[in-house]
Protein backbone atom coordinates (compact mmCIF):
# COMPACT_ATOMS: atom_id res chain seq x y z
CA MET A 1 -1.08 -6.52 -14.90
CA LYS A 2 1.24 -8.74 -17.63
CA LEU A 3 4.46 -8.05 -19.50
CA VAL A 4 4.51 -9.50 -23.16
CA LEU A 5 7.55 -11.99 -23.75
CA ASN A 6 7.69 -12.27 -27.37
CA GLY A 7 8.67 -8.69 -28.70
CA LYS A 8 8.13 -9.51 -32.44
CA GLY A 9 6.81 -6.06 -34.02
CA SER A 10 7.15 -4.18 -30.84
CA LEU A 11 8.44 -0.15 -31.44
CA PRO A 12 11.73 0.86 -29.71
CA ILE A 13 11.72 3.51 -26.74
CA TRP A 14 14.92 4.83 -26.42
CA PHE A 15 16.43 6.65 -23.09
CA ALA A 16 17.96 9.56 -24.17
CA THR A 17 20.71 11.74 -22.22
CA SER A 18 22.76 14.52 -22.76
CA GLN A 19 25.67 12.00 -23.15
CA ASN A 20 24.25 9.42 -25.26
CA TRP A 21 21.99 11.88 -27.44
CA LYS A 22 24.20 12.47 -30.50
CA THR A 23 25.10 8.67 -30.65
CA LEU A 24 21.31 8.06 -30.76
CA LEU A 25 20.57 10.64 -33.40
CA ALA A 26 23.26 9.17 -35.46
CA ASN A 27 22.01 5.79 -35.84
CA LEU A 28 18.77 7.24 -37.24
CA GLU A 29 17.79 7.66 -40.92
CA SER A 30 18.54 11.16 -42.27
CA GLN A 31 14.19 11.64 -42.33
CA ALA A 32 14.12 10.92 -38.85
CA GLN A 33 17.15 13.14 -37.51
CA GLN A 34 15.33 16.22 -39.56
CA PHE A 35 12.21 15.27 -37.93
CA ILE A 36 13.78 15.35 -34.69
CA LYS A 37 15.60 18.76 -35.35
CA ALA A 38 12.59 20.38 -36.46
CA ASN A 39 10.56 19.30 -33.25
CA ASP A 40 13.82 20.96 -31.42
CA PHE A 41 13.90 17.90 -29.18
CA GLU A 42 16.15 17.71 -26.26
CA PRO A 43 16.95 15.08 -23.75
CA VAL A 44 15.31 16.85 -20.67
CA ALA A 45 14.10 14.42 -18.39
CA GLY A 46 10.33 13.66 -18.96
CA ARG A 47 10.30 14.84 -22.44
CA MET A 48 9.04 12.69 -25.15
CA LEU A 49 9.10 12.45 -28.96
CA LEU A 50 7.24 10.38 -31.50
CA VAL A 51 9.78 9.37 -34.59
CA PRO A 52 8.09 8.58 -37.68
CA GLY A 53 9.17 5.35 -39.20
CA SER A 54 10.09 4.53 -42.98
CA ALA A 55 6.66 3.22 -43.56
CA GLN A 56 4.65 6.34 -42.75
CA GLY A 57 3.91 4.78 -39.20
CA LEU A 58 5.66 5.20 -35.89
CA GLY A 59 9.23 4.16 -35.99
CA GLY A 60 9.88 4.70 -32.28
CA VAL A 61 9.82 7.02 -29.01
CA PHE A 62 12.66 8.92 -27.69
CA PHE A 63 12.44 9.46 -23.96
CA GLY A 64 14.48 12.37 -21.92
CA GLN A 65 16.31 11.09 -19.04
CA GLY A 66 18.60 14.38 -18.44
CA ASP A 67 22.27 14.63 -17.68
CA GLU A 68 24.15 11.15 -16.56
CA THR A 69 26.51 13.22 -14.51
CA LYS A 70 23.83 14.72 -12.42
CA LYS A 71 21.45 12.71 -10.20
CA SER A 72 19.38 9.86 -11.93
CA PRO A 73 15.98 10.96 -12.64
CA ASP A 74 12.88 9.39 -10.74
CA PRO A 75 12.88 5.90 -12.25
CA PHE A 76 8.90 5.90 -12.12
CA LEU A 77 8.86 8.78 -14.60
CA VAL A 78 8.78 6.05 -17.48
CA GLY A 79 5.14 5.48 -16.49
CA LYS A 80 4.30 8.69 -18.06
CA LEU A 81 4.61 7.23 -21.35
CA VAL A 82 1.77 4.82 -20.45
CA GLY A 83 -0.80 7.63 -20.80
CA LEU A 84 0.79 9.52 -23.76
CA LEU A 85 1.76 6.63 -26.08
CA PRO A 86 -0.91 5.31 -28.79
CA LYS A 87 -1.70 1.57 -28.20
CA GLY A 88 0.63 -1.08 -29.35
CA LEU A 89 3.64 -2.90 -28.25
CA TYR A 90 6.91 -1.44 -27.20
CA HIS A 91 10.24 -2.31 -25.64
CA PHE A 92 13.24 -0.69 -24.08
CA ALA A 93 15.69 -0.38 -26.92
CA ASN A 94 18.68 0.75 -24.04
CA ALA A 95 18.84 0.59 -20.46
CA PRO A 96 17.68 3.57 -18.40
CA LEU A 97 19.98 5.61 -15.97
CA GLY A 98 20.47 4.03 -12.61
CA GLY A 99 21.30 0.46 -13.45
CA ALA A 100 19.44 -2.69 -12.96
CA ARG A 101 16.97 -1.27 -10.29
CA ALA A 102 16.11 1.45 -12.04
CA LEU A 103 15.09 -1.14 -15.08
CA GLU A 104 13.09 -2.86 -12.81
CA MET A 105 11.52 0.41 -11.27
CA ALA A 106 10.73 1.46 -15.23
CA THR A 107 9.17 -1.83 -15.97
CA LEU A 108 7.02 -1.65 -12.78
CA SER A 109 6.14 1.91 -13.25
CA TRP A 110 4.72 0.87 -16.62
CA LEU A 111 2.40 -1.82 -15.28
CA LEU A 112 1.43 0.37 -12.33
CA SER A 113 0.50 2.97 -14.51
CA SER A 114 -1.30 1.04 -16.74
CA TYR A 115 -4.17 0.52 -13.67
CA LYS A 116 -7.51 1.91 -13.94
CA PHE A 117 -10.72 1.33 -12.02
CA THR A 118 -13.19 0.40 -14.61
CA ARG A 119 -15.79 -1.53 -12.40
CA TYR A 120 -18.51 1.02 -12.88
CA LYS A 121 -17.29 2.37 -16.49
CA SER A 122 -19.11 1.07 -19.55
CA SER A 123 -15.92 1.80 -21.74
CA LYS A 124 -12.50 0.17 -20.90
CA THR A 125 -9.10 1.90 -21.55
CA GLU A 126 -6.63 0.16 -23.94
CA PHE A 127 -3.23 0.98 -22.69
CA PRO A 128 -0.16 0.63 -24.56
CA ARG A 129 1.82 -2.86 -23.88
CA LEU A 130 5.64 -3.46 -22.93
CA VAL A 131 7.98 -6.29 -23.78
CA ALA A 132 9.75 -7.60 -20.53
CA PRO A 133 12.95 -6.36 -20.73
CA LYS A 134 15.89 -8.93 -20.50
CA GLY A 135 17.82 -9.25 -17.28
CA ILE A 136 14.61 -8.64 -15.21
CA ASP A 137 12.55 -11.12 -12.91
CA ALA A 138 9.14 -10.62 -14.65
CA ALA A 139 7.28 -12.96 -12.80
CA ARG A 140 8.39 -11.13 -9.69
CA ILE A 141 7.60 -7.36 -10.91
CA GLU A 142 4.13 -8.91 -12.44
CA SER A 143 3.27 -10.24 -9.03
CA ILE A 144 3.92 -6.84 -7.11
CA ALA A 145 1.94 -5.07 -9.92
CA THR A 146 -0.97 -7.68 -9.56
CA SER A 147 -0.85 -7.25 -5.59
CA VAL A 148 -0.74 -3.53 -5.89
CA ALA A 149 -4.01 -3.47 -8.11
CA LEU A 150 -5.64 -5.69 -5.74
CA VAL A 151 -5.17 -3.22 -3.13
CA ARG A 152 -6.06 -0.36 -5.51
CA ASP A 153 -9.44 -2.42 -6.39
CA LEU A 154 -10.33 -2.79 -3.10
CA VAL A 155 -9.97 0.73 -1.80
CA ASN A 156 -11.43 2.20 -4.85
CA THR A 157 -14.67 0.32 -4.41
CA PRO A 158 -17.37 2.16 -2.91
CA ALA A 159 -18.78 0.99 0.66
CA ASN A 160 -22.26 -0.33 -0.87
CA ASP A 161 -19.99 -2.85 -2.68
CA MET A 162 -17.40 -3.04 -0.20
CA GLY A 163 -18.71 -3.79 3.22
CA PRO A 164 -17.18 -6.40 5.99
CA GLN A 165 -18.98 -9.33 3.78
CA GLU A 166 -17.38 -8.45 0.71
CA LEU A 167 -13.93 -7.37 2.35
CA GLU A 168 -14.19 -10.88 3.93
CA LYS A 169 -14.72 -12.40 0.56
CA ALA A 170 -11.90 -11.00 -0.93
CA ALA A 171 -9.74 -12.19 1.93
CA LEU A 172 -11.18 -15.67 1.64
CA ALA A 173 -10.41 -15.67 -2.36
CA LEU A 174 -6.71 -14.72 -1.46
CA CYS A 175 -6.79 -17.66 0.82
CA GLN A 176 -8.33 -20.03 -1.72
CA GLU A 177 -5.89 -19.00 -4.16
CA PHE A 178 -3.28 -20.20 -2.09
CA LYS A 179 -4.76 -23.14 -0.70
CA ILE A 180 -5.13 -21.64 3.02
CA LYS A 181 -8.09 -22.35 5.64
CA PRO A 182 -8.58 -19.28 7.47
CA ARG A 183 -10.15 -19.01 11.00
CA LEU A 184 -13.34 -16.77 11.06
CA VAL A 185 -14.93 -15.05 14.12
CA ARG A 186 -18.14 -13.03 13.86
CA GLY A 187 -20.76 -11.42 15.79
CA ALA A 188 -21.30 -12.45 19.05
CA GLN A 189 -18.40 -15.09 18.97
CA LEU A 190 -16.01 -12.10 19.14
CA LEU A 191 -17.72 -11.42 22.70
CA ARG A 192 -17.13 -15.14 23.30
CA GLN A 193 -13.78 -15.52 22.08
CA ASN A 194 -12.61 -12.44 23.93
CA PHE A 195 -12.68 -9.58 21.16
CA PRO A 196 -15.12 -7.00 23.11
CA LEU A 197 -13.43 -4.02 21.17
CA ILE A 198 -14.06 -5.33 17.91
CA HIS A 199 -17.41 -6.21 18.64
CA ALA A 200 -18.24 -2.79 20.42
CA VAL A 201 -17.24 -0.89 17.23
CA GLY A 202 -18.91 -3.00 14.73
CA ARG A 203 -22.09 -4.16 16.32
CA ALA A 204 -24.32 -1.27 15.26
CA ALA A 205 -24.06 -1.91 11.77
CA ASP A 206 -26.30 -4.41 9.62
CA HIS A 207 -23.25 -6.55 8.33
CA GLU A 208 -21.79 -7.83 11.88
CA PRO A 209 -18.20 -7.41 12.83
CA ARG A 210 -15.51 -9.99 12.20
CA LEU A 211 -12.09 -11.16 12.72
CA ILE A 212 -10.09 -12.93 9.82
CA ASP A 213 -7.16 -14.96 10.72
CA PHE A 214 -4.93 -16.73 8.27
CA SER A 215 -1.48 -18.21 8.29
CA PHE A 216 1.06 -19.31 5.38
CA GLY A 217 4.43 -21.04 5.07
CA PRO A 218 6.84 -23.08 7.35
CA LEU A 219 5.99 -23.50 11.08
CA ARG A 220 9.39 -23.15 12.34
CA ALA A 221 10.19 -19.96 10.11
CA PRO A 222 10.48 -16.65 10.98
CA LYS A 223 7.43 -15.26 12.51
CA VAL A 224 6.01 -11.96 10.38
CA THR A 225 2.48 -11.01 11.43
CA LEU A 226 0.25 -8.46 9.41
CA VAL A 227 -2.45 -6.68 11.31
CA GLY A 228 -4.47 -4.42 9.08
CA LYS A 229 -7.61 -2.21 10.07
CA GLY A 230 -10.78 -2.93 8.29
CA VAL A 231 -13.55 -0.28 8.73
CA CYS A 232 -15.26 -0.49 5.61
CA PHE A 233 -16.90 2.78 6.11
CA ASP A 234 -16.51 5.04 9.10
CA THR A 235 -19.41 7.44 10.04
CA GLY A 236 -17.59 8.55 13.09
CA GLY A 237 -20.21 6.83 15.03
CA LEU A 238 -22.12 8.95 17.61
CA ASP A 239 -19.45 11.36 17.67
CA LEU A 240 -20.62 11.98 13.95
CA LYS A 241 -18.28 13.15 11.10
CA PRO A 242 -19.28 16.22 9.10
CA SER A 243 -20.20 15.10 5.40
CA SER A 244 -17.34 16.60 3.89
CA ALA A 245 -14.86 14.43 6.16
CA MET A 246 -17.10 11.30 5.28
CA LEU A 247 -16.40 11.54 1.60
CA MET A 248 -13.36 9.81 1.37
CA MET A 249 -14.39 6.89 4.33
CA LYS A 250 -14.61 4.04 1.74
CA LYS A 251 -10.84 3.92 2.11
CA ASP A 252 -10.73 3.45 5.50
CA MET A 253 -10.65 0.05 5.29
CA ALA A 254 -7.06 0.49 3.46
CA GLY A 255 -5.11 -1.26 6.11
CA ALA A 256 -6.84 -4.30 5.84
CA ALA A 257 -6.06 -3.91 1.86
CA THR A 258 -2.70 -3.19 2.27
CA ALA A 259 -2.10 -6.34 4.34
CA LEU A 260 -3.88 -8.65 2.00
CA GLY A 261 -1.59 -7.33 -1.03
CA LEU A 262 1.74 -7.59 1.11
CA ALA A 263 0.62 -10.91 1.99
CA ARG A 264 -0.06 -11.99 -1.56
CA MET A 265 3.53 -10.74 -2.87
CA ILE A 266 5.20 -12.62 0.32
CA MET A 267 3.00 -15.62 -0.45
CA ASP A 268 3.62 -15.42 -4.12
CA ALA A 269 7.24 -15.05 -3.74
CA LYS A 270 7.40 -18.06 -1.18
CA LEU A 271 9.51 -15.87 1.09
CA PRO A 272 10.66 -18.47 3.93
CA VAL A 273 8.71 -16.72 6.62
CA ARG A 274 5.65 -18.12 8.85
CA LEU A 275 3.37 -15.12 7.60
CA ARG A 276 0.28 -14.47 9.90
CA VAL A 277 -2.54 -12.10 8.66
CA LEU A 278 -5.14 -10.45 10.94
CA LEU A 279 -7.90 -8.36 9.82
CA PRO A 280 -10.47 -7.04 12.39
CA ILE A 281 -13.42 -5.68 9.94
CA VAL A 282 -16.28 -3.44 10.84
CA GLU A 283 -18.47 -0.65 9.87
CA ASN A 284 -18.70 2.00 12.07
CA SER A 285 -22.10 3.09 11.94
CA VAL A 286 -24.80 4.86 14.11
CA SER A 287 -27.67 2.79 15.77
CA SER A 288 -29.58 2.49 18.84
CA ASN A 289 -26.66 -0.04 20.21
CA SER A 290 -23.82 2.26 19.08
CA PHE A 291 -20.86 2.33 21.26
CA ARG A 292 -20.95 5.69 23.27
CA PRO A 293 -18.69 8.13 24.48
CA GLY A 294 -17.98 7.54 27.95
CA ASP A 295 -18.43 3.81 27.70
CA ILE A 296 -15.69 1.80 29.44
CA TYR A 297 -14.87 -1.75 27.86
CA PRO A 298 -12.64 -4.63 28.32
CA SER A 299 -10.29 -5.45 25.68
CA ARG A 300 -8.46 -8.85 24.72
CA LYS A 301 -5.27 -7.45 26.68
CA GLY A 302 -6.91 -7.01 29.99
CA LEU A 303 -6.67 -3.47 29.97
CA SER A 304 -10.15 -1.17 30.14
CA VAL A 305 -10.64 1.49 27.67
CA GLU A 306 -12.75 4.58 28.30
CA ILE A 307 -14.27 5.86 24.89
CA GLY A 308 -13.30 9.49 24.54
CA ASN A 309 -14.41 9.76 20.89
CA THR A 310 -16.42 7.24 18.80
CA ASP A 311 -14.40 8.67 15.70
CA ALA A 312 -11.22 6.98 17.05
CA GLU A 313 -12.54 3.55 16.16
CA GLY A 314 -9.68 2.08 14.33
CA ARG A 315 -7.07 1.81 17.23
CA LEU A 316 -9.95 0.09 19.25
CA ILE A 317 -10.09 -2.92 16.62
CA LEU A 318 -6.38 -2.63 16.02
CA ALA A 319 -5.96 -3.11 19.76
CA ASP A 320 -7.89 -6.43 20.10
CA ALA A 321 -6.27 -7.92 17.00
CA LEU A 322 -2.65 -6.71 18.16
CA ALA A 323 -2.84 -8.77 21.62
CA LEU A 324 -4.01 -11.63 19.75
CA ALA A 325 -0.95 -11.39 17.31
CA ASP A 326 1.51 -10.41 20.26
CA GLU A 327 0.25 -13.60 22.19
CA GLU A 328 2.62 -15.86 20.03
CA SER A 329 5.49 -13.45 20.35
CA PRO A 330 6.15 -13.04 16.73
CA ASP A 331 9.75 -12.02 15.51
CA LEU A 332 8.14 -9.05 13.55
CA LEU A 333 4.70 -7.58 13.83
CA ILE A 334 3.32 -5.10 11.74
CA ASP A 335 0.09 -3.25 11.62
CA PHE A 336 -1.18 -0.78 8.58
CA ALA A 337 -4.30 1.83 9.33
CA THR A 338 -5.62 4.99 7.80
CA LEU A 339 -5.26 5.86 11.27
CA THR A 340 -5.19 9.81 11.92
CA GLY A 341 -5.57 13.06 10.13
CA ALA A 342 -2.46 14.10 12.36
CA ALA A 343 -0.10 12.21 10.16
CA ARG A 344 -1.56 13.70 6.90
CA VAL A 345 -1.03 17.26 8.27
CA ALA A 346 2.53 16.38 9.34
CA LEU A 347 3.75 14.73 6.29
CA GLY A 348 1.11 15.22 3.36
CA PRO A 349 -0.67 12.70 1.26
CA ASP A 350 2.51 10.87 -0.34
CA LEU A 351 4.63 10.22 2.78
CA PRO A 352 3.02 7.97 5.44
CA ALA A 353 4.31 8.08 9.01
CA PHE A 354 5.55 4.77 10.75
CA TYR A 355 6.72 3.97 14.05
CA ALA A 356 8.58 1.47 15.23
CA THR A 357 10.23 -0.02 18.48
CA GLN A 358 13.63 -1.18 16.75
CA ASP A 359 16.10 1.38 15.36
CA GLY A 360 17.57 -1.11 13.13
CA PHE A 361 14.31 -1.86 11.50
CA ALA A 362 13.29 1.64 11.07
CA ASP A 363 16.53 2.37 9.42
CA GLU A 364 16.16 -0.51 6.91
CA MET A 365 12.69 0.48 6.44
CA MET A 366 13.42 4.10 5.41
CA GLN A 367 16.02 3.02 2.92
CA HIS A 368 13.81 0.27 0.99
CA GLY A 369 11.19 2.89 0.66
CA LEU A 370 13.73 5.05 -0.94
CA ASN A 371 15.06 2.15 -2.88
CA VAL A 372 11.70 1.31 -4.66
CA GLN A 373 9.71 4.49 -4.90
CA ASP A 374 7.41 3.73 -1.72
CA PRO A 375 8.69 6.55 0.79
CA VAL A 376 7.96 6.44 4.46
CA TRP A 377 8.69 8.55 7.20
CA ARG A 378 9.41 7.60 11.02
CA LEU A 379 7.93 9.39 13.50
CA PRO A 380 8.80 8.78 17.64
CA LEU A 381 7.13 6.75 19.94
CA TRP A 382 7.75 9.59 22.30
CA ASP A 383 7.33 8.31 26.14
CA GLY A 384 6.70 11.88 27.26
CA TYR A 385 3.31 11.79 25.53
CA ASP A 386 2.28 8.47 27.08
CA HIS A 387 0.64 9.84 30.16
CA MET A 388 -1.84 11.70 27.61
CA ILE A 389 -4.12 8.09 27.41
CA ASP A 390 -4.09 7.26 30.77
CA GLY A 391 -7.59 7.11 31.79
CA LYS A 392 -9.12 8.76 35.02
CA ILE A 393 -11.49 5.89 35.60
CA SER A 394 -10.05 3.30 33.40
CA ASP A 395 -6.62 1.97 32.50
CA LEU A 396 -6.74 4.29 29.22
CA ASN A 397 -8.61 6.54 27.09
CA ASN A 398 -8.68 6.21 23.16
CA VAL A 399 -7.86 9.40 22.78
CA GLY A 400 -5.56 11.91 24.11
CA HIS A 401 -6.33 14.74 26.59
CA GLY A 402 -5.38 17.54 24.11
CA PRO A 403 -5.29 18.51 20.42
CA PHE A 404 -1.60 17.93 20.03
CA ALA A 405 0.57 15.22 18.46
CA GLY A 406 -2.44 12.80 17.49
CA SER A 407 -0.75 10.46 15.49
CA ILE A 408 1.75 10.09 18.02
CA VAL A 409 -0.70 9.42 20.68
CA ALA A 410 -2.49 7.03 18.59
CA ALA A 411 0.46 5.17 18.17
CA LEU A 412 1.44 5.21 21.94
CA PHE A 413 -2.37 3.68 22.36
CA LEU A 414 -1.45 0.69 20.20
CA ARG A 415 1.81 0.14 21.96
CA ARG A 416 0.03 -0.61 25.03
CA PHE A 417 -1.31 -3.85 23.55
CA VAL A 418 2.04 -5.27 22.36
CA SER A 419 4.37 -6.40 24.74
CA LYS A 420 6.11 -9.70 23.51
CA ALA A 421 6.57 -9.00 19.89
CA LYS A 422 10.48 -8.85 19.06
CA CYS A 423 10.09 -5.89 16.83
CA TRP A 424 6.62 -3.98 16.10
CA ALA A 425 5.78 -1.47 13.56
CA HIS A 426 2.76 0.64 12.65
CA PHE A 427 1.81 2.45 9.63
CA ASP A 428 -0.30 5.02 9.59
CA LEU A 429 -1.45 5.50 5.73
CA TYR A 430 -3.45 7.60 3.44
CA ALA A 431 -3.60 5.11 1.14
CA TRP A 432 -4.75 7.55 -1.62
CA ASN A 433 -3.21 9.36 -4.62
CA PRO A 434 -4.81 12.94 -4.78
CA SER A 435 -3.93 13.21 -8.48
CA THR A 436 -2.30 11.25 -11.21
CA LYS A 437 1.41 10.94 -11.15
CA PRO A 438 3.68 8.23 -13.11
CA GLY A 439 3.08 4.81 -11.45
CA ARG A 440 0.60 6.22 -9.13
CA PRO A 441 -2.86 6.96 -10.71
CA GLU A 442 -5.40 8.86 -8.60
CA GLY A 443 -7.07 7.10 -6.15
CA GLY A 444 -6.67 4.22 -3.96
CA GLU A 445 -3.15 3.13 -3.20
CA ALA A 446 -1.07 0.48 -1.87
CA GLN A 447 1.29 2.46 0.39
CA VAL A 448 4.26 0.94 2.06
CA ALA A 449 3.24 -2.58 0.79
CA ARG A 450 6.32 -2.74 -1.65
CA ALA A 451 8.78 -1.15 0.70
CA VAL A 452 7.99 -3.54 3.46
CA PHE A 453 8.06 -6.56 0.74
CA ASP A 454 11.53 -5.40 -0.44
CA LEU A 455 12.58 -5.16 3.20
CA LEU A 456 11.47 -8.67 3.90
CA ALA A 457 12.90 -10.04 0.60
CA GLN A 458 16.26 -8.91 1.50
CA ARG A 459 16.03 -10.29 5.11
CA TYR A 460 14.81 -13.38 4.58
CA GLY A 461 15.41 -14.25 1.09
CA ARG A 462 13.55 -13.99 -2.05
CA ALA A 463 12.27 -17.51 -2.09
CA ALA A 464 12.21 -20.75 -0.07
CA LYS A 465 14.60 -23.39 -0.84
């Protein structure tokens, strides 16, 4: 995911609007002008026209942006060009609508649109390349794109090649890149070190459950802790999913992948925070020792949990990890999980739900999501539903007492395991693009990672001094 620094021989891309169109046209040779008029091109947002050059080759590209007096077009729309242009080297000949932020987003969209998951393909796709525009932080944009690609690769990889061992290896590779010594807790060690819920969920699989814990940054800096759900495949357990619901379950580890991608952005930018990453990793399988509906288990927090449904396993492994994270009273504790279908019913695949204990953080989060084309939507931690997870013969149940408010109830369950963190936020993700859009190819997606990074970069400063 690289930009080209030397623009020699690159072809221009002109951003055309209703206002600058006549000026752009007037600067072209008469033959090119006649070609454009013959093709009846108008600078409508998203429309493209290839213009011939004087030497029988391609002379440049016009890309419509609409009317400057109206709302600026989606800056990610520029990524559409990646799938339309012939391979070669291009540069932005003028600035897109929307100022410096729009230029950064257009560049990032180009890189994100250039992603393709090719691990199992015999033929590779060669995309057009872009010269780094002047005035942008090219290294930062490349880092974000590379981190997003990491998440997409992890989510797109099927479970036979992305089980608990492989996800652990991906986390360890990131630790090696940034010279970090992680803490690993596997198998029976989980019971000895008081992670009973992680162990219960993952014990039926061939590959033992595990917890990965690593930190980076100055010890006295603000504590930012990320927790990611790492269910490498979810059969539903003994409450078995139907086959149609299992088709996408390779992506049930997307919370852990998102935490890794965001961590990479933070560490590469050297944000002055004490970052901690906790990844509970399991496979929810069916075997003679599967955890059962009606079982009751202790948790790291000390609360007893009755299993109302073995397909609500993600909140169980997150509970132990959140309890561990909470013990050191972080300034900001964030978890990521593909947790409920209810969030998708409410908000669809493109708009992840999130919950937060601080209104200020929630307001910032919504704005940063809009700023970087990575939208989120806040749902309430509605206290009136909290009784729905009260247990009858245990402290709480892992599912609610009815069919309503599934995403809210899951968030309320997780909240029971957080008491010391100054601010806690929970993101209920889909982590998948059902179809290809500019900047968002079909397949696994790093939803919310860029938005959270943008918030942290503004809140704590982009780089350590």
